[in-house]
Each structure stands twice: as structure tokens, then as C-alpha cells.
Amino acid sequence: MAIIFEQPKRSINWVKMLFIIFILGFVFFAVYYLFFASSPRLDIVLPDPLERANQITNIDFVDPGEVLNTQAFKQLQSYVAPPTVGNLGRNNPFEPF
């Protein structure tokens, strides 16, 4: 009977190896973008609606009395009745119809 002295071959766990490479790559890129990458300028990042909002905030407003005292506004008031209190319901809501 022959005695064989061979070391058992270790198989490489590819899933574990790929997971470790992924984690190391993720940490490397996270550290690079957090600490070493240049930050973008704020003017480039702003979308168009925010630039339009900035233009709107710089508008000078007129005195509301100038609009309220015009003849055209007073004519519009004659077409609209003043607000009134409507029907608020029955005196006793548990009373049958």
C-alpha cells in the first residue's frame, strides 16, 4: 500500500474575493470624492428655474393703493357682491327630515 503525501488544494472563494475588491474600490472612490476632488462652482449647479426665481425676487413692487384707487378696479367691484354667510346647516342635526 502506497502512502501519498499531497497537500489538499485550496479553492479560491471568488465571491468573497469580488466582495472585498468592491468594498475597497467603494472606500477608495468615496475618500477621493469627499476629500480630494474639486468642488463644483455654485453658478454651474443652479438650474434655470432657480435663476428665474432670482430675477423675480428683484422686482420692485408698487403701492397697492395705486391699483385699488383706479377707475377700472372700482368698476370691477360693482360686478361682485360682498361676501355673505351662507346656510350653515340645520339647528338640530339629529332631527329627521
Protein backbone atom coordinates (compact mmCIF):
# COMPACT_ATOMS: atom_id res chain seq x y z
CA MET A 1 0.00 0.00 0.00
CA ALA A 2 1.39 3.35 -1.02
CA ILE A 3 1.21 6.42 1.19
CA ILE A 4 0.56 9.66 -0.70
CA PHE A 5 1.66 12.90 0.94
CA GLU A 6 -0.14 15.63 -1.04
CA GLN A 7 -1.41 18.86 0.33
CA PRO A 8 -5.09 19.41 -0.37
CA LYS A 9 -5.58 22.23 -2.86
CA ARG A 10 -7.36 25.26 -1.55
CA SER A 11 -10.05 26.55 -3.84
CA ILE A 12 -10.38 30.31 -4.22
CA ASN A 13 -13.66 31.75 -3.00
CA TRP A 14 -14.39 34.10 -5.92
CA VAL A 15 -17.50 35.64 -4.36
CA LYS A 16 -15.59 36.66 -1.25
CA MET A 17 -12.71 37.99 -3.37
CA LEU A 18 -15.04 40.11 -5.56
CA PHE A 19 -16.86 41.42 -2.49
CA ILE A 20 -13.60 42.56 -0.89
CA ILE A 21 -12.47 44.22 -4.14
CA PHE A 22 -15.83 46.01 -4.42
CA ILE A 23 -15.67 47.28 -0.82
CA LEU A 24 -12.08 48.51 -1.26
CA GLY A 25 -12.99 50.26 -4.52
CA PHE A 26 -16.03 51.89 -2.95
CA VAL A 27 -14.00 53.16 0.01
CA PHE A 28 -11.26 54.47 -2.33
CA PHE A 29 -13.72 56.43 -4.52
CA ALA A 30 -15.67 57.72 -1.50
CA VAL A 31 -12.49 59.05 0.12
CA TYR A 32 -11.36 60.60 -3.17
CA TYR A 33 -14.64 62.40 -3.89
CA LEU A 34 -15.12 63.53 -0.29
CA PHE A 35 -11.63 64.86 0.36
CA PHE A 36 -9.59 65.30 -2.84
CA ALA A 37 -11.96 66.09 -5.73
CA SER A 38 -12.56 69.75 -6.51
CA SER A 39 -15.99 71.01 -5.54
CA PRO A 40 -18.23 72.30 -8.34
CA ARG A 41 -18.95 76.00 -8.55
CA LEU A 42 -22.39 77.08 -7.39
CA ASP A 43 -23.16 79.02 -10.58
CA ILE A 44 -22.88 75.88 -12.68
CA VAL A 45 -25.06 73.79 -10.36
CA LEU A 46 -28.08 76.14 -10.25
CA PRO A 47 -30.87 75.05 -12.61
CA ASP A 48 -32.74 77.53 -14.79
CA PRO A 49 -35.88 77.76 -12.57
CA LEU A 50 -33.76 78.97 -9.66
CA GLU A 51 -32.13 81.62 -11.83
CA ARG A 52 -35.59 82.82 -12.89
CA ALA A 53 -36.65 82.87 -9.23
CA ASN A 54 -33.67 85.10 -8.50
CA GLN A 55 -34.88 87.53 -11.20
CA ILE A 56 -38.39 87.50 -9.73
CA THR A 57 -37.14 88.36 -6.24
CA ASN A 58 -35.52 91.52 -7.58
CA ILE A 59 -38.85 93.01 -8.79
CA ASP A 60 -39.87 96.33 -7.23
CA PHE A 61 -43.47 96.24 -6.03
CA VAL A 62 -45.87 99.14 -6.45
CA ASP A 63 -48.10 100.60 -3.78
CA PRO A 64 -51.40 98.62 -3.69
CA GLY A 65 -53.30 101.87 -3.23
CA GLU A 66 -52.37 102.86 -6.76
CA VAL A 67 -54.19 99.80 -8.10
CA LEU A 68 -57.14 99.86 -5.69
CA ASN A 69 -57.97 103.51 -6.39
CA THR A 70 -58.10 103.22 -10.19
CA GLN A 71 -61.37 103.60 -12.05
CA ALA A 72 -61.08 100.17 -13.72
CA PHE A 73 -60.75 98.39 -10.38
CA LYS A 74 -63.74 100.25 -8.95
CA GLN A 75 -65.84 99.13 -11.93
CA LEU A 76 -64.90 95.51 -11.24
CA GLN A 77 -66.07 95.87 -7.65
CA SER A 78 -69.57 96.81 -8.82
CA TYR A 79 -69.95 93.38 -10.52
CA VAL A 80 -69.03 91.38 -7.43
CA ALA A 81 -71.38 91.20 -4.45
CA PRO A 82 -69.91 91.42 -0.97
CA PRO A 83 -69.44 88.05 0.73
CA THR A 84 -72.29 86.78 2.88
CA VAL A 85 -72.69 83.98 5.37
CA GLY A 86 -74.33 81.01 3.71
CA ASN A 87 -76.61 78.31 5.09
CA LEU A 88 -74.68 76.69 7.92
CA GLY A 89 -76.94 73.70 8.38
CA ARG A 90 -79.93 72.73 10.49
CA ASN A 91 -80.46 73.82 14.06
CA ASN A 92 -80.74 70.22 15.21
CA PRO A 93 -78.71 67.83 13.03
CA PHE A 94 -80.32 64.76 14.67
CA GLU A 95 -83.85 65.82 13.74
CA PRO A 96 -85.38 63.74 10.92
CA PHE A 97 -86.15 65.44 7.61
